[in-house]
Amino acid sequence: MTDGGPQESTGFTYDASASDDGPEAMLNLLLDYREEEAALRRRVADRLEIGDLDLLGLRYIARASERGAMLRPSDLRDLLLITTGSTTTLLDRLEARGLATRVPHPTDRRSSTLALDEAATAMVREALDGMQASVLEVAESLDDDDRATAIRVLRELIAATRASNR
């Protein structure tokens, strides 16, 4: 039993006894933001009656579409770090819900590409528009120097996280 005072970090967070404006506080706030975003994603997945992984798959399909790139089922498998069988099952669920389709590859008859259905785009947009507008408003409220610093820090955090995963 403890006295309720600050405890040693468990590894799930950064040192909570550090200052309220130090690097640990910033990283803990990023963890809090990620938790809030994850809760929102779960609510969106519930509205679409799909699982979290299915929603992540839709996100990857949408990203590819926004970039004008083709995403094959094998690409999605690699991004989600799941098996070929699990990818097939996931895509079957998305197709059954009318959220995504497999489209014949334009140059490789043996392959297909993935596309979002209009229903998925409309439902996800409806579910996320308010949150995205609020978050964009916060980002837009930063002056150019603060935004540049935030972008640099976030890129460095992403790079550090990727490097530790290898």
C-alpha atoms as a PDB file:
ATOM      1  CA  MET A   1       0.000   0.000   0.000  1.00  0.00           C
ATOM      2  CA  THR A   2       1.237   3.522  -0.730  1.00  0.00           C
ATOM      3  CA  ASP A   3       0.688   6.899   0.882  1.00  0.00           C
ATOM      4  CA  GLY A   4      -0.842   8.313  -2.311  1.00  0.00           C
ATOM      5  CA  GLY A   5       2.212  10.374  -3.197  1.00  0.00           C
ATOM      6  CA  PRO A   6       4.029  10.225  -6.545  1.00  0.00           C
ATOM      7  CA  GLN A   7       5.244   6.773  -7.441  1.00  0.00           C
ATOM      8  CA  GLU A   8       8.113   5.552  -9.578  1.00  0.00           C
ATOM      9  CA  SER A   9       7.207   5.370 -13.268  1.00  0.00           C
ATOM     10  CA  THR A  10       5.730   2.049 -14.330  1.00  0.00           C
ATOM     11  CA  GLY A  11       7.013   2.447 -17.874  1.00  0.00           C
ATOM     12  CA  PHE A  12       3.499   3.120 -19.186  1.00  0.00           C
ATOM     13  CA  THR A  13       3.951   6.855 -18.615  1.00  0.00           C
ATOM     14  CA  TYR A  14       6.797   9.256 -18.093  1.00  0.00           C
ATOM     15  CA  ASP A  15       7.902  10.452 -14.641  1.00  0.00           C
ATOM     16  CA  ALA A  16       4.758  12.063 -13.209  1.00  0.00           C
ATOM     17  CA  SER A  17       6.723  13.729 -10.412  1.00  0.00           C
ATOM     18  CA  ALA A  18       8.565  15.888 -12.937  1.00  0.00           C
ATOM     19  CA  SER A  19       7.561  19.516 -13.475  1.00  0.00           C
ATOM     20  CA  ASP A  20       4.235  20.444 -15.065  1.00  0.00           C
ATOM     21  CA  ASP A  21       6.018  22.074 -17.998  1.00  0.00           C
ATOM     22  CA  GLY A  22       8.985  19.758 -18.522  1.00  0.00           C
ATOM     23  CA  PRO A  23       9.584  17.166 -21.233  1.00  0.00           C
ATOM     24  CA  GLU A  24       7.906  14.402 -19.195  1.00  0.00           C
ATOM     25  CA  ALA A  25       4.731  16.496 -18.879  1.00  0.00           C
ATOM     26  CA  MET A  26       4.728  17.092 -22.642  1.00  0.00           C
ATOM     27  CA  LEU A  27       5.131  13.367 -23.362  1.00  0.00           C
ATOM     28  CA  ASN A  28       2.407  12.448 -20.853  1.00  0.00           C
ATOM     29  CA  LEU A  29       0.096  14.939 -22.576  1.00  0.00           C
ATOM     30  CA  LEU A  30       0.865  13.266 -25.911  1.00  0.00           C
ATOM     31  CA  LEU A  31      -0.092   9.936 -24.326  1.00  0.00           C
ATOM     32  CA  ASP A  32      -3.326  11.530 -23.059  1.00  0.00           C
ATOM     33  CA  TYR A  33      -4.059  12.860 -26.570  1.00  0.00           C
ATOM     34  CA  ARG A  34      -3.464   9.413 -28.066  1.00  0.00           C
ATOM     35  CA  GLU A  35      -5.865   7.877 -25.522  1.00  0.00           C
ATOM     36  CA  GLU A  36      -8.567  10.414 -26.421  1.00  0.00           C
ATOM     37  CA  GLU A  37      -8.024   9.812 -30.130  1.00  0.00           C
ATOM     38  CA  ALA A  38      -8.159   6.030 -29.590  1.00  0.00           C
ATOM     39  CA  ALA A  39     -11.456   6.412 -27.691  1.00  0.00           C
ATOM     40  CA  LEU A  40     -12.845   8.443 -30.599  1.00  0.00           C
ATOM     41  CA  ARG A  41     -11.705   5.781 -33.087  1.00  0.00           C
ATOM     42  CA  ARG A  42     -13.461   3.118 -31.001  1.00  0.00           C
ATOM     43  CA  ARG A  43     -16.681   5.168 -31.076  1.00  0.00           C
ATOM     44  CA  VAL A  44     -16.382   5.581 -34.860  1.00  0.00           C
ATOM     45  CA  ALA A  45     -15.723   1.853 -35.289  1.00  0.00           C
ATOM     46  CA  ASP A  46     -18.780   1.122 -33.134  1.00  0.00           C
ATOM     47  CA  ARG A  47     -20.917   3.419 -35.306  1.00  0.00           C
ATOM     48  CA  LEU A  48     -19.695   1.616 -38.412  1.00  0.00           C
ATOM     49  CA  GLU A  49     -20.166  -1.722 -36.624  1.00  0.00           C
ATOM     50  CA  ILE A  50     -16.600  -2.793 -37.306  1.00  0.00           C
ATOM     51  CA  GLY A  51     -13.518  -3.433 -35.200  1.00  0.00           C
ATOM     52  CA  ASP A  52     -10.582  -1.133 -34.486  1.00  0.00           C
ATOM     53  CA  LEU A  53      -8.349  -3.000 -36.926  1.00  0.00           C
ATOM     54  CA  ASP A  54     -11.005  -2.713 -39.639  1.00  0.00           C
ATOM     55  CA  LEU A  55     -11.124   1.052 -39.072  1.00  0.00           C
ATOM     56  CA  LEU A  56      -7.339   1.245 -39.302  1.00  0.00           C
ATOM     57  CA  GLY A  57      -7.555  -0.687 -42.578  1.00  0.00           C
ATOM     58  CA  LEU A  58     -10.067   1.870 -43.886  1.00  0.00           C
ATOM     59  CA  ARG A  59      -7.684   4.635 -42.860  1.00  0.00           C
ATOM     60  CA  TYR A  60      -4.832   3.082 -44.859  1.00  0.00           C
ATOM     61  CA  ILE A  61      -7.115   2.637 -47.882  1.00  0.00           C
ATOM     62  CA  ALA A  62      -8.211   6.288 -47.578  1.00  0.00           C
ATOM     63  CA  ARG A  63      -4.620   7.528 -47.283  1.00  0.00           C
ATOM     64  CA  ALA A  64      -3.597   5.675 -50.417  1.00  0.00           C
ATOM     65  CA  SER A  65      -6.605   7.037 -52.267  1.00  0.00           C
ATOM     66  CA  GLU A  66      -5.858  10.610 -51.141  1.00  0.00           C
ATOM     67  CA  ARG A  67      -2.289  10.239 -52.460  1.00  0.00           C
ATOM     68  CA  GLY A  68      -3.520   8.773 -55.743  1.00  0.00           C
ATOM     69  CA  ALA A  69      -1.737   5.512 -54.951  1.00  0.00           C
ATOM     70  CA  MET A  70      -3.016   1.988 -55.377  1.00  0.00           C
ATOM     71  CA  LEU A  71      -3.174  -0.180 -52.273  1.00  0.00           C
ATOM     72  CA  ARG A  72      -3.241  -3.941 -52.797  1.00  0.00           C
ATOM     73  CA  PRO A  73      -4.462  -6.405 -50.168  1.00  0.00           C
ATOM     74  CA  SER A  74      -0.844  -7.501 -49.628  1.00  0.00           C
ATOM     75  CA  ASP A  75       0.137  -3.871 -48.955  1.00  0.00           C
ATOM     76  CA  LEU A  76      -2.626  -3.612 -46.361  1.00  0.00           C
ATOM     77  CA  ARG A  77      -1.457  -6.887 -44.811  1.00  0.00           C
ATOM     78  CA  ASP A  78       2.041  -5.471 -44.428  1.00  0.00           C
ATOM     79  CA  LEU A  79       0.792  -2.187 -42.952  1.00  0.00           C
ATOM     80  CA  LEU A  80      -1.457  -3.932 -40.433  1.00  0.00           C
ATOM     81  CA  LEU A  81       1.134  -6.627 -39.638  1.00  0.00           C
ATOM     82  CA  ILE A  82      -1.429  -9.415 -40.034  1.00  0.00           C
ATOM     83  CA  THR A  83      -1.556 -12.647 -41.998  1.00  0.00           C
ATOM     84  CA  THR A  84      -2.909 -13.067 -45.509  1.00  0.00           C
ATOM     85  CA  GLY A  85      -5.876 -14.983 -44.096  1.00  0.00           C
ATOM     86  CA  SER A  86      -6.648 -12.239 -41.590  1.00  0.00           C
ATOM     87  CA  THR A  87      -6.428  -9.666 -44.375  1.00  0.00           C
ATOM     88  CA  THR A  88      -8.922 -11.617 -46.465  1.00  0.00           C
ATOM     89  CA  THR A  89     -11.297 -11.871 -43.500  1.00  0.00           C
ATOM     90  CA  LEU A  90     -10.954  -8.146 -42.752  1.00  0.00           C
ATOM     91  CA  LEU A  91     -11.649  -7.213 -46.372  1.00  0.00           C
ATOM     92  CA  ASP A  92     -14.610  -9.593 -46.482  1.00  0.00           C
ATOM     93  CA  ARG A  93     -16.069  -7.788 -43.433  1.00  0.00           C
ATOM     94  CA  LEU A  94     -15.500  -4.344 -44.963  1.00  0.00           C
ATOM     95  CA  GLU A  95     -17.095  -5.418 -48.236  1.00  0.00           C
ATOM     96  CA  ALA A  96     -20.071  -6.991 -46.447  1.00  0.00           C
ATOM     97  CA  ARG A  97     -20.639  -3.697 -44.584  1.00  0.00           C
ATOM     98  CA  GLY A  98     -20.421  -1.757 -47.865  1.00  0.00           C
ATOM     99  CA  LEU A  99     -17.334   0.141 -46.710  1.00  0.00           C
ATOM    100  CA  ALA A 100     -14.635  -1.009 -49.132  1.00  0.00           C
ATOM    101  CA  THR A 101     -14.284  -2.934 -52.361  1.00  0.00           C
ATOM    102  CA  ARG A 102     -11.637  -4.933 -54.147  1.00  0.00           C
ATOM    103  CA  VAL A 103     -11.192  -3.575 -57.655  1.00  0.00           C
ATOM    104  CA  PRO A 104      -9.279  -5.410 -60.406  1.00  0.00           C
ATOM    105  CA  HIS A 105      -5.729  -4.075 -60.722  1.00  0.00           C
ATOM    106  CA  PRO A 106      -5.461  -2.053 -63.945  1.00  0.00           C
ATOM    107  CA  THR A 107      -2.275  -3.754 -65.159  1.00  0.00           C
ATOM    108  CA  ASP A 108      -1.984  -7.020 -63.190  1.00  0.00           C
ATOM    109  CA  ARG A 109      -4.864  -9.426 -63.772  1.00  0.00           C
ATOM    110  CA  ARG A 110      -3.762 -11.540 -60.806  1.00  0.00           C
ATOM    111  CA  SER A 111      -4.085  -8.684 -58.333  1.00  0.00           C
ATOM    112  CA  SER A 112      -6.648  -6.251 -57.013  1.00  0.00           C
ATOM    113  CA  THR A 113      -6.562  -2.816 -55.440  1.00  0.00           C
ATOM    114  CA  LEU A 114      -8.654  -1.508 -52.580  1.00  0.00           C
ATOM    115  CA  ALA A 115     -11.098   1.366 -52.693  1.00  0.00           C
ATOM    116  CA  LEU A 116     -13.405   3.014 -50.195  1.00  0.00           C
ATOM    117  CA  ASP A 117     -17.072   2.953 -50.947  1.00  0.00           C
ATOM    118  CA  GLU A 118     -18.931   6.250 -50.822  1.00  0.00           C
ATOM    119  CA  ALA A 119     -20.810   4.992 -47.752  1.00  0.00           C
ATOM    120  CA  ALA A 120     -17.569   4.612 -45.805  1.00  0.00           C
ATOM    121  CA  THR A 121     -16.338   8.032 -46.832  1.00  0.00           C
ATOM    122  CA  ALA A 122     -19.607   9.681 -45.818  1.00  0.00           C
ATOM    123  CA  MET A 123     -19.898   7.836 -42.482  1.00  0.00           C
ATOM    124  CA  VAL A 124     -16.299   8.438 -41.451  1.00  0.00           C
ATOM    125  CA  ARG A 125     -16.466  12.068 -42.531  1.00  0.00           C
ATOM    126  CA  GLU A 126     -19.661  12.574 -40.525  1.00  0.00           C
ATOM    127  CA  ALA A 127     -18.152  10.909 -37.462  1.00  0.00           C
ATOM    128  CA  LEU A 128     -14.820  12.740 -37.580  1.00  0.00           C
ATOM    129  CA  ASP A 129     -15.590  16.160 -39.061  1.00  0.00           C
ATOM    130  CA  GLY A 130     -16.269  17.834 -35.704  1.00  0.00           C
ATOM    131  CA  MET A 131     -13.127  16.454 -34.087  1.00  0.00           C
ATOM    132  CA  GLN A 132     -10.946  17.242 -37.084  1.00  0.00           C
ATOM    133  CA  ALA A 133     -12.287  20.796 -37.244  1.00  0.00           C
ATOM    134  CA  SER A 134     -11.549  21.320 -33.533  1.00  0.00           C
ATOM    135  CA  VAL A 135      -8.041  19.903 -33.790  1.00  0.00           C
ATOM    136  CA  LEU A 136      -7.328  21.899 -36.969  1.00  0.00           C
ATOM    137  CA  GLU A 137      -8.504  25.055 -35.199  1.00  0.00           C
ATOM    138  CA  VAL A 138      -5.953  24.444 -32.444  1.00  0.00           C
ATOM    139  CA  ALA A 139      -3.174  23.890 -34.994  1.00  0.00           C
ATOM    140  CA  GLU A 140      -4.196  27.002 -36.922  1.00  0.00           C
ATOM    141  CA  SER A 141      -4.104  29.073 -33.733  1.00  0.00           C
ATOM    142  CA  LEU A 142      -0.346  28.512 -33.392  1.00  0.00           C
ATOM    143  CA  ASP A 143       1.937  31.161 -34.789  1.00  0.00           C
ATOM    144  CA  ASP A 144       4.342  30.085 -37.527  1.00  0.00           C
ATOM    145  CA  ASP A 145       7.279  29.586 -35.137  1.00  0.00           C
ATOM    146  CA  ASP A 146       5.284  27.485 -32.658  1.00  0.00           C
ATOM    147  CA  ARG A 147       3.803  25.402 -35.479  1.00  0.00           C
ATOM    148  CA  ALA A 148       7.285  24.834 -36.975  1.00  0.00           C
ATOM    149  CA  THR A 149       8.561  23.756 -33.552  1.00  0.00           C
ATOM    150  CA  ALA A 150       5.607  21.415 -33.033  1.00  0.00           C
ATOM    151  CA  ILE A 151       6.092  19.876 -36.482  1.00  0.00           C
ATOM    152  CA  ARG A 152       9.807  19.378 -35.860  1.00  0.00           C
ATOM    153  CA  VAL A 153       9.236  17.810 -32.423  1.00  0.00           C
ATOM    154  CA  LEU A 154       6.489  15.490 -33.684  1.00  0.00           C
ATOM    155  CA  ARG A 155       8.653  14.355 -36.612  1.00  0.00           C
ATOM    156  CA  GLU A 156      11.556  13.672 -34.260  1.00  0.00           C
ATOM    157  CA  LEU A 157       9.296  11.742 -31.862  1.00  0.00           C
ATOM    158  CA  ILE A 158       7.984   9.648 -34.764  1.00  0.00           C
ATOM    159  CA  ALA A 159      11.537   8.953 -35.933  1.00  0.00           C
ATOM    160  CA  ALA A 160      12.675   8.028 -32.407  1.00  0.00           C
ATOM    161  CA  THR A 161       9.708   5.678 -31.997  1.00  0.00           C
ATOM    162  CA  ARG A 162      10.343   4.038 -35.377  1.00  0.00           C
ATOM    163  CA  ALA A 163      14.025   3.602 -34.566  1.00  0.00           C
ATOM    164  CA  SER A 164      13.201   1.876 -31.266  1.00  0.00           C
ATOM    165  CA  ASN A 165      10.876  -0.560 -33.074  1.00  0.00           C
ATOM    166  CA  ARG A 166      13.658  -1.977 -35.243  1.00  0.00           C
END
